[in-house]
Amino acid sequence: MPISLRRKHGGSSKPVLMQAGDTQTEEQQQQRLQEQDAELAQQAQQLPQMEDEDDISDSAAEEVVKKSRRPKENAFTQQKLKAVHPILTPNTVIPLLLVIAVIFIPIGAAMLYGSNKVEELVIDYSQYTELETTMETGHK
């Protein structure tokens, strides 16, 4: 049966939970809820009696609860972390790229200048081949 919220006319503006087609007053609704609460309390009282009948002792039941590998429910585990979702428009992207260019162009120019200032040292070892052969044979 569909459930709807209805308000009493002429009385308090407090919504009353009613099933479609019901014409219960707020007092009847509260009485019905109290009866349901009493039934739940009665069922809760019966639960400890049922546990005594189980073949699992209370300490073993507590150990089962303690060994739960279920992660804590928080924003991280529920994947509901706050996030930033910027809207990228040309009015924001173009200035950002220009700022990045102003920062990195001088760095690149300094690196290019530094690499061009490096002097290459060339050593010709062709003359040392005669020295190597004389050292191996022991003759000059």
Protein backbone atom coordinates (compact mmCIF):
# COMPACT_ATOMS: atom_id res chain seq x y z
CA MET A 1 0.00 0.00 0.00
CA PRO A 2 1.46 3.43 -0.85
CA ILE A 3 2.30 5.71 2.08
CA SER A 4 1.73 9.44 2.06
CA LEU A 5 2.15 12.39 4.40
CA ARG A 6 -0.99 14.35 5.18
CA ARG A 7 -1.57 17.37 7.36
CA LYS A 8 -4.52 17.97 9.62
CA HIS A 9 -6.61 20.98 8.71
CA GLY A 10 -7.19 23.54 11.41
CA GLY A 11 -4.77 21.95 13.88
CA SER A 12 -1.02 21.66 14.15
CA SER A 13 0.98 21.62 10.96
CA LYS A 14 2.85 18.50 12.11
CA PRO A 15 2.81 15.87 9.31
CA VAL A 16 1.22 12.52 10.10
CA LEU A 17 2.34 9.29 8.41
CA MET A 18 -0.73 7.62 6.94
CA GLN A 19 -1.39 4.92 4.43
CA ALA A 20 -3.37 5.83 1.35
CA GLY A 21 -7.09 5.65 2.05
CA ASP A 22 -6.65 5.97 5.86
CA THR A 23 -8.59 8.64 7.67
CA GLN A 24 -6.87 8.22 11.06
CA THR A 25 -6.48 11.14 13.38
CA GLU A 26 -3.12 12.09 14.80
CA GLU A 27 -4.03 10.54 18.16
CA GLN A 28 -4.89 7.21 16.52
CA GLN A 29 -1.65 7.31 14.60
CA GLN A 30 0.33 7.91 17.79
CA GLN A 31 -1.49 5.08 19.53
CA ARG A 32 -0.65 2.73 16.68
CA LEU A 33 3.01 3.74 16.84
CA GLN A 34 3.08 3.15 20.60
CA GLU A 35 1.64 -0.33 20.07
CA GLN A 36 4.37 -1.07 17.52
CA ASP A 37 7.01 0.19 19.97
CA ALA A 38 5.59 -2.10 22.67
CA GLU A 39 5.76 -5.08 20.29
CA LEU A 40 9.38 -4.28 19.43
CA ALA A 41 10.27 -3.96 23.12
CA GLN A 42 8.66 -7.33 23.78
CA GLN A 43 10.65 -8.91 20.95
CA ALA A 44 13.84 -7.33 22.31
CA GLN A 45 13.20 -8.89 25.70
CA GLN A 46 12.83 -12.30 24.08
CA LEU A 47 16.21 -12.01 22.30
CA PRO A 48 18.40 -12.62 25.41
CA GLN A 49 16.33 -15.73 26.18
CA MET A 50 16.96 -17.03 22.67
CA GLU A 51 20.73 -16.44 23.04
CA ASP A 52 20.80 -18.65 26.15
CA GLU A 53 19.31 -21.46 24.13
CA ASP A 54 22.06 -21.27 21.49
CA ASP A 55 25.00 -23.64 21.78
CA ILE A 56 27.42 -20.70 21.32
CA SER A 57 28.54 -19.16 24.59
CA ASP A 58 28.36 -15.40 25.15
CA SER A 59 32.15 -15.01 24.98
CA ALA A 60 32.29 -16.87 21.67
CA ALA A 61 29.54 -14.65 20.28
CA GLU A 62 31.49 -11.56 21.36
CA GLU A 63 34.63 -12.90 19.63
CA VAL A 64 32.69 -13.29 16.40
CA VAL A 65 31.66 -9.64 16.61
CA LYS A 66 35.22 -8.52 17.42
CA LYS A 67 36.69 -10.37 14.41
CA SER A 68 34.60 -8.46 11.92
CA ARG A 69 36.70 -7.39 8.95
CA ARG A 70 34.17 -4.83 7.86
CA PRO A 71 35.78 -1.39 7.39
CA LYS A 72 34.63 1.59 9.40
CA GLU A 73 31.94 3.63 7.74
CA ASN A 74 33.36 7.07 7.07
CA ALA A 75 33.50 9.46 4.14
CA PHE A 76 36.64 7.79 2.75
CA THR A 77 35.34 4.23 2.73
CA GLN A 78 31.96 5.35 1.40
CA GLN A 79 33.74 7.33 -1.36
CA LYS A 80 32.00 10.57 -0.45
CA LEU A 81 35.02 12.82 -0.06
CA LYS A 82 34.75 16.47 -0.91
CA ALA A 83 36.23 17.31 -4.28
CA VAL A 84 36.91 20.35 -6.43
CA HIS A 85 35.41 20.33 -9.90
CA PRO A 86 36.66 23.46 -11.66
CA ILE A 87 34.93 24.60 -14.81
CA LEU A 88 37.60 25.08 -17.47
CA THR A 89 36.67 27.93 -19.74
CA PRO A 90 38.87 29.80 -22.21
CA ASN A 91 38.90 32.74 -19.81
CA THR A 92 40.66 30.59 -17.19
CA VAL A 93 42.78 28.28 -19.37
CA ILE A 94 44.49 30.93 -21.55
CA PRO A 95 45.80 33.04 -18.61
CA LEU A 96 46.93 29.87 -16.84
CA LEU A 97 48.93 28.76 -19.88
CA LEU A 98 50.47 32.22 -20.20
CA VAL A 99 51.59 32.16 -16.56
CA ILE A 100 53.13 28.71 -17.03
CA ALA A 101 54.93 29.96 -20.17
CA VAL A 102 56.30 33.01 -18.32
CA ILE A 103 57.70 30.70 -15.65
CA PHE A 104 59.21 27.98 -17.88
CA ILE A 105 60.56 29.98 -20.86
CA PRO A 106 63.30 31.70 -18.76
CA ILE A 107 64.18 28.35 -17.15
CA GLY A 108 64.53 26.74 -20.60
CA ALA A 109 66.58 29.68 -21.90
CA ALA A 110 68.95 29.44 -18.90
CA MET A 111 69.39 25.70 -19.47
CA LEU A 112 70.10 26.24 -23.20
CA TYR A 113 72.63 28.98 -22.41
CA GLY A 114 74.34 26.72 -19.85
CA SER A 115 74.54 23.77 -22.25
CA ASN A 116 76.08 25.98 -24.98
CA LYS A 117 78.79 27.20 -22.56
CA VAL A 118 80.07 23.65 -22.03
CA GLU A 119 83.54 23.15 -23.58
CA GLU A 120 84.30 19.81 -25.19
CA LEU A 121 87.66 18.25 -24.34
CA VAL A 122 89.07 16.11 -27.21
CA ILE A 123 92.03 13.81 -26.62
CA ASP A 124 93.61 12.05 -29.59
CA TYR A 125 94.91 8.62 -28.57
CA SER A 126 96.16 7.59 -32.01
CA GLN A 127 99.78 8.40 -31.12
CA TYR A 128 99.69 6.03 -28.19
CA THR A 129 99.25 2.88 -30.28
CA GLU A 130 103.06 2.59 -30.78
CA LEU A 131 103.62 2.93 -27.05
CA GLU A 132 101.10 0.20 -26.36
CA THR A 133 102.79 -2.30 -28.73
CA THR A 134 106.25 -1.65 -27.24
CA MET A 135 104.96 -2.17 -23.72
CA GLU A 136 103.48 -5.53 -24.67
CA THR A 137 106.62 -6.88 -26.33
CA GLY A 138 109.13 -5.20 -24.04
CA HIS A 139 111.15 -3.80 -27.00
CA LYS A 140 111.34 -0.34 -28.33
